[in-house]
Amino acid sequence: ATLRAMFDGWRTISVPMKADYVRLAELANEGAKGLGFADTGALWRSNY
């Protein structure tokens, strides 16, 4: 019961992040395309 409470409780701190994260991903993708990549994930995978 304690473990579940800790697990669930910590994950309440990230609920307010979602809108900012969605917007940041949109902007990063726009920037990655400007550098010639399909999206930000493709940019990251191009490091290898």
ModelCIF file with pLDDT and N, C-alpha, C, O atoms, coordinates in Angstrom:
data_MODEL
#
_entry.id   MODEL 
#
_entity.id                         1 
_entity.type                       polymer 
_entity.pdbx_number_of_molecules   1 
#
_entity_poly.entity_id                      1 
_entity_poly.type                           'polypeptide(L)' 
_entity_poly.nstd_linkage                   no 
_entity_poly.nstd_monomer                   no 
_entity_poly.pdbx_seq_one_letter_code       ATLRAMFDGWRTISVPMKADYVRLAELANEGAKGLGFADTGALWRSNY 
_entity_poly.pdbx_seq_one_letter_code_can   ATLRAMFDGWRTISVPMKADYVRLAELANEGAKGLGFADTGALWRSNY 
_entity_poly.pdbx_strand_id                 A 
#
loop_
_entity_poly_seq.entity_id 
_entity_poly_seq.num 
_entity_poly_seq.mon_id 
_entity_poly_seq.hetero 
1 1  ALA n 
1 2  THR n 
1 3  LEU n 
1 4  ARG n 
1 5  ALA n 
1 6  MET n 
1 7  PHE n 
1 8  ASP n 
1 9  GLY n 
1 10 TRP n 
1 11 ARG n 
1 12 THR n 
1 13 ILE n 
1 14 SER n 
1 15 VAL n 
1 16 PRO n 
1 17 MET n 
1 18 LYS n 
1 19 ALA n 
1 20 ASP n 
1 21 TYR n 
1 22 VAL n 
1 23 ARG n 
1 24 LEU n 
1 25 ALA n 
1 26 GLU n 
1 27 LEU n 
1 28 ALA n 
1 29 ASN n 
1 30 GLU n 
1 31 GLY n 
1 32 ALA n 
1 33 LYS n 
1 34 GLY n 
1 35 LEU n 
1 36 GLY n 
1 37 PHE n 
1 38 ALA n 
1 39 ASP n 
1 40 THR n 
1 41 GLY n 
1 42 ALA n 
1 43 LEU n 
1 44 TRP n 
1 45 ARG n 
1 46 SER n 
1 47 ASN n 
1 48 TYR n 
#
_struct_asym.id          A 
_struct_asym.entity_id   1 
#
loop_
_ma_qa_metric.id 
_ma_qa_metric.mode 
_ma_qa_metric.name 
_ma_qa_metric.software_group_id 
_ma_qa_metric.type 
1 global pLDDT . pLDDT 
2 local  pLDDT . pLDDT 
#
_ma_qa_metric_global.metric_id      1 
_ma_qa_metric_global.metric_value   95.48 
_ma_qa_metric_global.model_id       1 
_ma_qa_metric_global.ordinal_id     1 
#
loop_
_ma_qa_metric_local.label_asym_id 
_ma_qa_metric_local.label_comp_id 
_ma_qa_metric_local.label_seq_id 
_ma_qa_metric_local.metric_id 
_ma_qa_metric_local.metric_value 
_ma_qa_metric_local.model_id 
_ma_qa_metric_local.ordinal_id 
A ALA 1  2 98.00 1 1  
A THR 2  2 98.00 1 2  
A LEU 3  2 98.00 1 3  
A ARG 4  2 98.00 1 4  
A ALA 5  2 98.00 1 5  
A MET 6  2 98.00 1 6  
A PHE 7  2 98.00 1 7  
A ASP 8  2 98.00 1 8  
A GLY 9  2 97.00 1 9  
A TRP 10 2 97.00 1 10 
A ARG 11 2 98.00 1 11 
A THR 12 2 97.00 1 12 
A ILE 13 2 97.00 1 13 
A SER 14 2 97.00 1 14 
A VAL 15 2 97.00 1 15 
A PRO 16 2 96.00 1 16 
A MET 17 2 96.00 1 17 
A LYS 18 2 97.00 1 18 
A ALA 19 2 97.00 1 19 
A ASP 20 2 96.00 1 20 
A TYR 21 2 97.00 1 21 
A VAL 22 2 98.00 1 22 
A ARG 23 2 97.00 1 23 
A LEU 24 2 95.00 1 24 
A ALA 25 2 97.00 1 25 
A GLU 26 2 97.00 1 26 
A LEU 27 2 94.00 1 27 
A ALA 28 2 94.00 1 28 
A ASN 29 2 96.00 1 29 
A GLU 30 2 94.00 1 30 
A GLY 31 2 90.00 1 31 
A ALA 32 2 91.00 1 32 
A LYS 33 2 91.00 1 33 
A GLY 34 2 86.00 1 34 
A LEU 35 2 84.00 1 35 
A GLY 36 2 86.00 1 36 
A PHE 37 2 92.00 1 37 
A ALA 38 2 96.00 1 38 
A ASP 39 2 97.00 1 39 
A THR 40 2 97.00 1 40 
A GLY 41 2 97.00 1 41 
A ALA 42 2 97.00 1 42 
A LEU 43 2 95.00 1 43 
A TRP 44 2 97.00 1 44 
A ARG 45 2 97.00 1 45 
A SER 46 2 95.00 1 46 
A ASN 47 2 94.00 1 47 
A TYR 48 2 96.00 1 48 
#
loop_
_atom_site.group_PDB 
_atom_site.id 
_atom_site.type_symbol 
_atom_site.label_atom_id 
_atom_site.label_alt_id 
_atom_site.label_comp_id 
_atom_site.label_asym_id 
_atom_site.label_entity_id 
_atom_site.label_seq_id 
_atom_site.pdbx_PDB_ins_code 
_atom_site.Cartn_x 
_atom_site.Cartn_y 
_atom_site.Cartn_z 
_atom_site.occupancy 
_atom_site.B_iso_or_equiv 
_atom_site.pdbx_formal_charge 
_atom_site.auth_seq_id 
_atom_site.auth_comp_id 
_atom_site.auth_asym_id 
_atom_site.auth_atom_id 
_atom_site.pdbx_PDB_model_num 
ATOM 1   N N  . ALA A 1 1  ? 0.829  -1.208 0.000   1.00 98.00 ? 1  ALA A N  1 
ATOM 2   C CA . ALA A 1 1  ? 0.000  0.000  0.000   1.00 98.00 ? 1  ALA A CA 1 
ATOM 3   C C  . ALA A 1 1  ? 0.863  1.258  0.000   1.00 98.00 ? 1  ALA A C  1 
ATOM 4   O O  . ALA A 1 1  ? 0.568  2.226  -0.701  1.00 98.00 ? 1  ALA A O  1 
ATOM 5   N N  . THR A 1 2  ? 1.928  1.233  0.789   1.00 98.00 ? 2  THR A N  1 
ATOM 6   C CA . THR A 1 2  ? 2.842  2.374  0.826   1.00 98.00 ? 2  THR A CA 1 
ATOM 7   C C  . THR A 1 2  ? 3.555  2.542  -0.512  1.00 98.00 ? 2  THR A C  1 
ATOM 8   O O  . THR A 1 2  ? 3.693  3.657  -1.015  1.00 98.00 ? 2  THR A O  1 
ATOM 9   N N  . LEU A 1 3  ? 4.001  1.438  -1.077  1.00 98.00 ? 3  LEU A N  1 
ATOM 10  C CA . LEU A 1 3  ? 4.705  1.495  -2.356  1.00 98.00 ? 3  LEU A CA 1 
ATOM 11  C C  . LEU A 1 3  ? 3.796  2.062  -3.450  1.00 98.00 ? 3  LEU A C  1 
ATOM 12  O O  . LEU A 1 3  ? 4.221  2.881  -4.265  1.00 98.00 ? 3  LEU A O  1 
ATOM 13  N N  . ARG A 1 4  ? 2.555  1.617  -3.450  1.00 98.00 ? 4  ARG A N  1 
ATOM 14  C CA . ARG A 1 4  ? 1.607  2.137  -4.432  1.00 98.00 ? 4  ARG A CA 1 
ATOM 15  C C  . ARG A 1 4  ? 1.385  3.631  -4.231  1.00 98.00 ? 4  ARG A C  1 
ATOM 16  O O  . ARG A 1 4  ? 1.320  4.388  -5.199  1.00 98.00 ? 4  ARG A O  1 
ATOM 17  N N  . ALA A 1 5  ? 1.268  4.051  -2.988  1.00 98.00 ? 5  ALA A N  1 
ATOM 18  C CA . ALA A 1 5  ? 1.051  5.472  -2.701  1.00 98.00 ? 5  ALA A CA 1 
ATOM 19  C C  . ALA A 1 5  ? 2.240  6.315  -3.171  1.00 98.00 ? 5  ALA A C  1 
ATOM 20  O O  . ALA A 1 5  ? 2.054  7.401  -3.722  1.00 98.00 ? 5  ALA A O  1 
ATOM 21  N N  . MET A 1 6  ? 3.452  5.819  -2.955  1.00 98.00 ? 6  MET A N  1 
ATOM 22  C CA . MET A 1 6  ? 4.652  6.537  -3.410  1.00 98.00 ? 6  MET A CA 1 
ATOM 23  C C  . MET A 1 6  ? 4.704  6.588  -4.939  1.00 98.00 ? 6  MET A C  1 
ATOM 24  O O  . MET A 1 6  ? 4.985  7.631  -5.530  1.00 98.00 ? 6  MET A O  1 
ATOM 25  N N  . PHE A 1 7  ? 4.432  5.462  -5.555  1.00 98.00 ? 7  PHE A N  1 
ATOM 26  C CA . PHE A 1 7  ? 4.471  5.356  -7.022  1.00 98.00 ? 7  PHE A CA 1 
ATOM 27  C C  . PHE A 1 7  ? 3.449  6.299  -7.653  1.00 98.00 ? 7  PHE A C  1 
ATOM 28  O O  . PHE A 1 7  ? 3.784  7.069  -8.554  1.00 98.00 ? 7  PHE A O  1 
ATOM 29  N N  . ASP A 1 8  ? 2.217  6.238  -7.185  1.00 98.00 ? 8  ASP A N  1 
ATOM 30  C CA . ASP A 1 8  ? 1.152  7.088  -7.731  1.00 98.00 ? 8  ASP A CA 1 
ATOM 31  C C  . ASP A 1 8  ? 1.377  8.554  -7.366  1.00 98.00 ? 8  ASP A C  1 
ATOM 32  O O  . ASP A 1 8  ? 1.165  9.448  -8.186  1.00 98.00 ? 8  ASP A O  1 
ATOM 33  N N  . GLY A 1 9  ? 1.806  8.789  -6.130  1.00 97.00 ? 9  GLY A N  1 
ATOM 34  C CA . GLY A 1 9  ? 1.983  10.163 -5.664  1.00 97.00 ? 9  GLY A CA 1 
ATOM 35  C C  . GLY A 1 9  ? 3.028  10.915 -6.463  1.00 97.00 ? 9  GLY A C  1 
ATOM 36  O O  . GLY A 1 9  ? 2.807  12.063 -6.846  1.00 97.00 ? 9  GLY A O  1 
ATOM 37  N N  . TRP A 1 10 ? 4.174  10.278 -6.720  1.00 97.00 ? 10 TRP A N  1 
ATOM 38  C CA . TRP A 1 10 ? 5.220  10.966 -7.472  1.00 97.00 ? 10 TRP A CA 1 
ATOM 39  C C  . TRP A 1 10 ? 4.733  11.334 -8.878  1.00 97.00 ? 10 TRP A C  1 
ATOM 40  O O  . TRP A 1 10 ? 5.129  12.365 -9.421  1.00 97.00 ? 10 TRP A O  1 
ATOM 41  N N  . ARG A 1 11 ? 3.893  10.512 -9.452  1.00 98.00 ? 11 ARG A N  1 
ATOM 42  C CA . ARG A 1 11 ? 3.422  10.766 -10.817 1.00 98.00 ? 11 ARG A CA 1 
ATOM 43  C C  . ARG A 1 11 ? 2.359  11.863 -10.905 1.00 98.00 ? 11 ARG A C  1 
ATOM 44  O O  . ARG A 1 11 ? 1.947  12.244 -12.001 1.00 98.00 ? 11 ARG A O  1 
ATOM 45  N N  . THR A 1 12 ? 1.919  12.366 -9.758  1.00 97.00 ? 12 THR A N  1 
ATOM 46  C CA . THR A 1 12 ? 1.032  13.535 -9.805  1.00 97.00 ? 12 THR A CA 1 
ATOM 47  C C  . THR A 1 12 ? 1.811  14.805 -10.136 1.00 97.00 ? 12 THR A C  1 
ATOM 48  O O  . THR A 1 12 ? 1.228  15.780 -10.611 1.00 97.00 ? 12 THR A O  1 
ATOM 49  N N  . ILE A 1 13 ? 3.128  14.804 -9.891  1.00 97.00 ? 13 ILE A N  1 
ATOM 50  C CA . ILE A 1 13 ? 3.903  16.037 -10.100 1.00 97.00 ? 13 ILE A CA 1 
ATOM 51  C C  . ILE A 1 13 ? 4.062  16.352 -11.584 1.00 97.00 ? 13 ILE A C  1 
ATOM 52  O O  . ILE A 1 13 ? 4.348  17.494 -11.943 1.00 97.00 ? 13 ILE A O  1 
ATOM 53  N N  . SER A 1 14 ? 3.882  15.356 -12.452 1.00 97.00 ? 14 SER A N  1 
ATOM 54  C CA . SER A 1 14 ? 4.115  15.573 -13.877 1.00 97.00 ? 14 SER A CA 1 
ATOM 55  C C  . SER A 1 14 ? 2.846  15.932 -14.655 1.00 97.00 ? 14 SER A C  1 
ATOM 56  O O  . SER A 1 14 ? 2.926  16.275 -15.835 1.00 97.00 ? 14 SER A O  1 
ATOM 57  N N  . VAL A 1 15 ? 1.684  15.857 -14.015 1.00 97.00 ? 15 VAL A N  1 
ATOM 58  C CA . VAL A 1 15 ? 0.433  16.183 -14.723 1.00 97.00 ? 15 VAL A CA 1 
ATOM 59  C C  . VAL A 1 15 ? 0.468  17.594 -15.322 1.00 97.00 ? 15 VAL A C  1 
ATOM 60  O O  . VAL A 1 15 ? 0.058  17.768 -16.470 1.00 97.00 ? 15 VAL A O  1 
ATOM 61  N N  . PRO A 1 16 ? 0.949  18.619 -14.576 1.00 96.00 ? 16 PRO A N  1 
ATOM 62  C CA . PRO A 1 16 ? 0.940  19.977 -15.150 1.00 96.00 ? 16 PRO A CA 1 
ATOM 63  C C  . PRO A 1 16 ? 1.922  20.180 -16.306 1.00 96.00 ? 16 PRO A C  1 
ATOM 64  O O  . PRO A 1 16 ? 1.872  21.211 -16.977 1.00 96.00 ? 16 PRO A O  1 
ATOM 65  N N  . MET A 1 17 ? 2.814  19.214 -16.549 1.00 96.00 ? 17 MET A N  1 
ATOM 66  C CA . MET A 1 17 ? 3.831  19.380 -17.590 1.00 96.00 ? 17 MET A CA 1 
ATOM 67  C C  . MET A 1 17 ? 3.293  19.193 -19.005 1.00 96.00 ? 17 MET A C  1 
ATOM 68  O O  . MET A 1 17 ? 3.893  19.688 -19.959 1.00 96.00 ? 17 MET A O  1 
ATOM 69  N N  . LYS A 1 18 ? 2.190  18.499 -19.155 1.00 97.00 ? 18 LYS A N  1 
ATOM 70  C CA . LYS A 1 18 ? 1.831  17.969 -20.468 1.00 97.00 ? 18 LYS A CA 1 
ATOM 71  C C  . LYS A 1 18 ? 1.661  19.049 -21.531 1.00 97.00 ? 18 LYS A C  1 
ATOM 72  O O  . LYS A 1 18 ? 2.190  18.908 -22.634 1.00 97.00 ? 18 LYS A O  1 
ATOM 73  N N  . ALA A 1 19 ? 0.948  20.104 -21.231 1.00 97.00 ? 19 ALA A N  1 
ATOM 74  C CA . ALA A 1 19 ? 0.708  21.132 -22.249 1.00 97.00 ? 19 ALA A CA 1 
ATOM 75  C C  . ALA A 1 19 ? 2.016  21.763 -22.716 1.00 97.00 ? 19 ALA A C  1 
ATOM 76  O O  . ALA A 1 19 ? 2.217  21.985 -23.910 1.00 97.00 ? 19 ALA A O  1 
ATOM 77  N N  . ASP A 1 20 ? 2.904  22.049 -21.762 1.00 96.00 ? 20 ASP A N  1 
ATOM 78  C CA . ASP A 1 20 ? 4.203  22.612 -22.129 1.00 96.00 ? 20 ASP A CA 1 
ATOM 79  C C  . ASP A 1 20 ? 5.011  21.624 -22.965 1.00 96.00 ? 20 ASP A C  1 
ATOM 80  O O  . ASP A 1 20 ? 5.680  22.015 -23.922 1.00 96.00 ? 20 ASP A O  1 
ATOM 81  N N  . TYR A 1 21 ? 4.948  20.345 -22.604 1.00 97.00 ? 21 TYR A N  1 
ATOM 82  C CA . TYR A 1 21 ? 5.722  19.345 -23.336 1.00 97.00 ? 21 TYR A CA 1 
ATOM 83  C C  . TYR A 1 21 ? 5.219  19.215 -24.776 1.00 97.00 ? 21 TYR A C  1 
ATOM 84  O O  . TYR A 1 21 ? 6.013  19.109 -25.711 1.00 97.00 ? 21 TYR A O  1 
ATOM 85  N N  . VAL A 1 22 ? 3.910  19.225 -24.942 1.00 98.00 ? 22 VAL A N  1 
ATOM 86  C CA . VAL A 1 22 ? 3.326  19.128 -26.293 1.00 98.00 ? 22 VAL A CA 1 
ATOM 87  C C  . VAL A 1 22 ? 3.798  20.294 -27.151 1.00 98.00 ? 22 VAL A C  1 
ATOM 88  O O  . VAL A 1 22 ? 4.215  20.102 -28.292 1.00 98.00 ? 22 VAL A O  1 
ATOM 89  N N  . ARG A 1 23 ? 3.732  21.492 -26.606 1.00 97.00 ? 23 ARG A N  1 
ATOM 90  C CA . ARG A 1 23 ? 4.135  22.682 -27.357 1.00 97.00 ? 23 ARG A CA 1 
ATOM 91  C C  . ARG A 1 23 ? 5.632  22.652 -27.673 1.00 97.00 ? 23 ARG A C  1 
ATOM 92  O O  . ARG A 1 23 ? 6.043  23.001 -28.780 1.00 97.00 ? 23 ARG A O  1 
ATOM 93  N N  . LEU A 1 24 ? 6.447  22.234 -26.696 1.00 95.00 ? 24 LEU A N  1 
ATOM 94  C CA . LEU A 1 24 ? 7.889  22.185 -26.919 1.00 95.00 ? 24 LEU A CA 1 
ATOM 95  C C  . LEU A 1 24 ? 8.241  21.199 -28.026 1.00 95.00 ? 24 LEU A C  1 
ATOM 96  O O  . LEU A 1 24 ? 9.128  21.460 -28.839 1.00 95.00 ? 24 LEU A O  1 
ATOM 97  N N  . ALA A 1 25 ? 7.549  20.072 -28.054 1.00 97.00 ? 25 ALA A N  1 
ATOM 98  C CA . ALA A 1 25 ? 7.790  19.083 -29.102 1.00 97.00 ? 25 ALA A CA 1 
ATOM 99  C C  . ALA A 1 25 ? 7.435  19.645 -30.479 1.00 97.00 ? 25 ALA A C  1 
ATOM 100 O O  . ALA A 1 25 ? 8.139  19.395 -31.457 1.00 97.00 ? 25 ALA A O  1 
ATOM 101 N N  . GLU A 1 26 ? 6.348  20.398 -30.548 1.00 97.00 ? 26 GLU A N  1 
ATOM 102 C CA . GLU A 1 26 ? 5.949  21.013 -31.821 1.00 97.00 ? 26 GLU A CA 1 
ATOM 103 C C  . GLU A 1 26 ? 7.027  21.970 -32.327 1.00 97.00 ? 26 GLU A C  1 
ATOM 104 O O  . GLU A 1 26 ? 7.396  21.940 -33.501 1.00 97.00 ? 26 GLU A O  1 
ATOM 105 N N  . LEU A 1 27 ? 7.524  22.815 -31.433 1.00 94.00 ? 27 LEU A N  1 
ATOM 106 C CA . LEU A 1 27 ? 8.541  23.790 -31.817 1.00 94.00 ? 27 LEU A CA 1 
ATOM 107 C C  . LEU A 1 27 ? 9.851  23.113 -32.201 1.00 94.00 ? 27 LEU A C  1 
ATOM 108 O O  . LEU A 1 27 ? 10.494 23.499 -33.177 1.00 94.00 ? 27 LEU A O  1 
ATOM 109 N N  . ALA A 1 28 ? 10.242 22.103 -31.429 1.00 94.00 ? 28 ALA A N  1 
ATOM 110 C CA . ALA A 1 28 ? 11.493 21.394 -31.735 1.00 94.00 ? 28 ALA A CA 1 
ATOM 111 C C  . ALA A 1 28 ? 11.413 20.720 -33.098 1.00 94.00 ? 28 ALA A C  1 
ATOM 112 O O  . ALA A 1 28 ? 12.389 20.722 -33.849 1.00 94.00 ? 28 ALA A O  1 
ATOM 113 N N  . ASN A 1 29 ? 10.272 20.151 -33.418 1.00 96.00 ? 29 ASN A N  1 
ATOM 114 C CA . ASN A 1 29 ? 10.107 19.529 -34.736 1.00 96.00 ? 29 ASN A CA 1 
ATOM 115 C C  . ASN A 1 29 ? 10.236 20.560 -35.861 1.00 96.00 ? 29 ASN A C  1 
ATOM 116 O O  . ASN A 1 29 ? 10.853 20.297 -36.893 1.00 96.00 ? 29 ASN A O  1 
ATOM 117 N N  . GLU A 1 30 ? 9.650  21.725 -35.643 1.00 94.00 ? 30 GLU A N  1 
ATOM 118 C CA . GLU A 1 30 ? 9.761  22.782 -36.653 1.00 94.00 ? 30 GLU A CA 1 
ATOM 119 C C  . GLU A 1 30 ? 11.225 23.172 -36.853 1.00 94.00 ? 30 GLU A C  1 
ATOM 120 O O  . GLU A 1 30 ? 11.678 23.376 -37.979 1.00 94.00 ? 30 GLU A O  1 
ATOM 121 N N  . GLY A 1 31 ? 11.957 23.271 -35.734 1.00 90.00 ? 31 GLY A N  1 
ATOM 122 C CA . GLY A 1 31 ? 13.367 23.601 -35.820 1.00 90.00 ? 31 GLY A CA 1 
ATOM 123 C C  . GLY A 1 31 ? 14.187 22.506 -36.482 1.00 90.00 ? 31 GLY A C  1 
ATOM 124 O O  . GLY A 1 31 ? 15.086 22.796 -37.271 1.00 90.00 ? 31 GLY A O  1 
ATOM 125 N N  . ALA A 1 32 ? 13.887 21.252 -36.172 1.00 91.00 ? 32 ALA A N  1 
ATOM 126 C CA . ALA A 1 32 ? 14.626 20.133 -36.758 1.00 91.00 ? 32 ALA A CA 1 
ATOM 127 C C  . ALA A 1 32 ? 14.433 20.088 -38.271 1.00 91.00 ? 32 ALA A C  1 
ATOM 128 O O  . ALA A 1 32 ? 15.369 19.807 -39.019 1.00 91.00 ? 32 ALA A O  1 
ATOM 129 N N  . LYS A 1 33 ? 13.215 20.368 -38.706 1.00 91.00 ? 33 LYS A N  1 
ATOM 130 C CA . LYS A 1 33 ? 12.960 20.383 -40.154 1.00 91.00 ? 33 LYS A CA 1 
ATOM 131 C C  . LYS A 1 33 ? 13.752 21.500 -40.830 1.00 91.00 ? 33 LYS A C  1 
ATOM 132 O O  . LYS A 1 33 ? 14.200 21.351 -41.966 1.00 91.00 ? 33 LYS A O  1 
ATOM 133 N N  . GLY A 1 34 ? 13.920 22.618 -40.127 1.00 86.00 ? 34 GLY A N  1 
ATOM 134 C CA . GLY A 1 34 ? 14.725 23.703 -40.666 1.00 86.00 ? 34 GLY A CA 1 
ATOM 135 C C  . GLY A 1 34 ? 16.190 23.334 -40.829 1.00 86.00 ? 34 GLY A C  1 
ATOM 136 O O  . GLY A 1 34 ? 16.892 23.919 -41.654 1.00 86.00 ? 34 GLY A O  1 
ATOM 137 N N  . LEU A 1 35 ? 16.654 22.366 -40.046 1.00 84.00 ? 35 LEU A N  1 
ATOM 138 C CA . LEU A 1 35 ? 18.031 21.889 -40.164 1.00 84.00 ? 35 LEU A CA 1 
ATOM 139 C C  . LEU A 1 35 ? 18.167 20.752 -41.172 1.00 84.00 ? 35 LEU A C  1 
ATOM 140 O O  . LEU A 1 35 ? 19.272 20.280 -41.437 1.00 84.00 ? 35 LEU A O  1 
ATOM 141 N N  . GLY A 1 36 ? 17.041 20.315 -41.731 1.00 86.00 ? 36 GLY A N  1 
ATOM 142 C CA . GLY A 1 36 ? 17.090 19.269 -42.749 1.00 86.00 ? 36 GLY A CA 1 
ATOM 143 C C  . GLY A 1 36 ? 16.728 17.882 -42.264 1.00 86.00 ? 36 GLY A C  1 
ATOM 144 O O  . GLY A 1 36 ? 16.977 16.903 -42.968 1.00 86.00 ? 36 GLY A O  1 
ATOM 145 N N  . PHE A 1 37 ? 16.142 17.770 -41.068 1.00 92.00 ? 37 PHE A N  1 
ATOM 146 C CA . PHE A 1 37 ? 15.763 16.462 -40.522 1.00 92.00 ? 37 PHE A CA 1 
ATOM 147 C C  . PHE A 1 37 ? 14.243 16.281 -40.582 1.00 92.00 ? 37 PHE A C  1 
ATOM 148 O O  . PHE A 1 37 ? 13.497 17.260 -40.572 1.00 92.00 ? 37 PHE A O  1 
ATOM 149 N N  . ALA A 1 38 ? 13.795 15.040 -40.643 1.00 96.00 ? 38 ALA A N  1 
ATOM 150 C CA . ALA A 1 38 ? 12.362 14.760 -40.724 1.00 96.00 ? 38 ALA A CA 1 
ATOM 151 C C  . ALA A 1 38 ? 11.626 15.220 -39.469 1.00 96.00 ? 38 ALA A C  1 
ATOM 152 O O  . ALA A 1 38 ? 10.507 15.725 -39.550 1.00 96.00 ? 38 ALA A O  1 
ATOM 153 N N  . ASP A 1 39 ? 12.260 15.043 -38.306 1.00 97.00 ? 39 ASP A N  1 
ATOM 154 C CA . ASP A 1 39 ? 11.693 15.460 -37.030 1.00 97.00 ? 39 ASP A CA 1 
ATOM 155 C C  . ASP A 1 39 ? 12.798 15.401 -35.990 1.00 97.00 ? 39 ASP A C  1 
ATOM 156 O O  . ASP A 1 39 ? 13.922 15.012 -36.305 1.00 97.00 ? 39 ASP A O  1 
ATOM 157 N N  . THR A 1 40 ? 12.495 15.779 -34.759 1.00 97.00 ? 40 THR A N  1 
ATOM 158 C CA . THR A 1 40 ? 13.519 15.823 -33.718 1.00 97.00 ? 40 THR A CA 1 
ATOM 159 C C  . THR A 1 40 ? 14.065 14.438 -33.404 1.00 97.00 ? 40 THR A C  1 
ATOM 160 O O  . THR A 1 40 ? 15.262 14.294 -33.155 1.00 97.00 ? 40 THR A O  1 
ATOM 161 N N  . GLY A 1 41 ? 13.225 13.427 -33.410 1.00 97.00 ? 41 GLY A N  1 
ATOM 162 C CA . GLY A 1 41 ? 13.704 12.064 -33.177 1.00 97.00 ? 41 GLY A CA 1 
ATOM 163 C C  . GLY A 1 41 ? 14.702 11.639 -34.236 1.00 97.00 ? 41 GLY A C  1 
ATOM 164 O O  . GLY A 1 41 ? 15.701 10.991 -33.922 1.00 97.00 ? 41 GLY A O  1 
ATOM 165 N N  . ALA A 1 42 ? 14.445 11.997 -35.490 1.00 97.00 ? 42 ALA A N  1 
ATOM 166 C CA . ALA A 1 42 ? 15.380 11.676 -36.571 1.00 97.00 ? 42 ALA A CA 1 
ATOM 167 C C  . ALA A 1 42 ? 16.698 12.399 -36.368 1.00 97.00 ? 42 ALA A C  1 
ATOM 168 O O  . ALA A 1 42 ? 17.761 11.850 -36.659 1.00 97.00 ? 42 ALA A O  1 
ATOM 169 N N  . LEU A 1 43 ? 16.639 13.638 -35.867 1.00 95.00 ? 43 LEU A N  1 
ATOM 170 C CA . LEU A 1 43 ? 17.873 14.373 -35.551 1.00 95.00 ? 43 LEU A CA 1 
ATOM 171 C C  . LEU A 1 43 ? 18.679 13.610 -34.501 1.00 95.00 ? 43 LEU A C  1 
ATOM 172 O O  . LEU A 1 43 ? 19.881 13.402 -34.668 1.00 95.00 ? 43 LEU A O  1 
ATOM 173 N N  . TRP A 1 44 ? 18.021 13.196 -33.426 1.00 97.00 ? 44 TRP A N  1 
ATOM 174 C CA . TRP A 1 44 ? 18.729 12.458 -32.373 1.00 97.00 ? 44 TRP A CA 1 
ATOM 175 C C  . TRP A 1 44 ? 19.345 11.172 -32.920 1.00 97.00 ? 44 TRP A C  1 
ATOM 176 O O  . TRP A 1 44 ? 20.484 10.840 -32.591 1.00 97.00 ? 44 TRP A O  1 
ATOM 177 N N  . ARG A 1 45 ? 18.597 10.449 -33.754 1.00 97.00 ? 45 ARG A N  1 
ATOM 178 C CA . ARG A 1 45 ? 19.089 9.164  -34.264 1.00 97.00 ? 45 ARG A CA 1 
ATOM 179 C C  . ARG A 1 45 ? 20.184 9.343  -35.312 1.00 97.00 ? 45 ARG A C  1 
ATOM 180 O O  . ARG A 1 45 ? 20.856 8.380  -35.683 1.00 97.00 ? 45 ARG A O  1 
ATOM 181 N N  . SER A 1 46 ? 20.363 10.570 -35.788 1.00 95.00 ? 46 SER A N  1 
ATOM 182 C CA . SER A 1 46 ? 21.404 10.836 -36.788 1.00 95.00 ? 46 SER A CA 1 
ATOM 183 C C  . SER A 1 46 ? 22.786 11.003 -36.169 1.00 95.00 ? 46 SER A C  1 
ATOM 184 O O  . SER A 1 46 ? 23.762 11.228 -36.884 1.00 95.00 ? 46 SER A O  1 
ATOM 185 N N  . ASN A 1 47 ? 22.876 10.896 -34.857 1.00 94.00 ? 47 ASN A N  1 
ATOM 186 C CA . ASN A 1 47 ? 24.154 11.061 -34.154 1.00 94.00 ? 47 ASN A CA 1 
ATOM 187 C C  . ASN A 1 47 ? 25.026 9.810  -34.174 1.00 94.00 ? 47 ASN A C  1 
ATOM 188 O O  . ASN A 1 47 ? 26.059 9.774  -33.504 1.00 94.00 ? 47 ASN A O  1 
ATOM 189 N N  . TYR A 1 48 ? 24.633 8.783  -34.928 1.00 96.00 ? 48 TYR A N  1 
ATOM 190 C CA . TYR A 1 48 ? 25.303 7.481  -34.796 1.00 96.00 ? 48 TYR A CA 1 
ATOM 191 C C  . TYR A 1 48 ? 25.901 6.971  -36.100 1.00 96.00 ? 48 TYR A C  1 
ATOM 192 O O  . TYR A 1 48 ? 26.491 5.890  -36.128 1.00 96.00 ? 48 TYR A O  1 
#
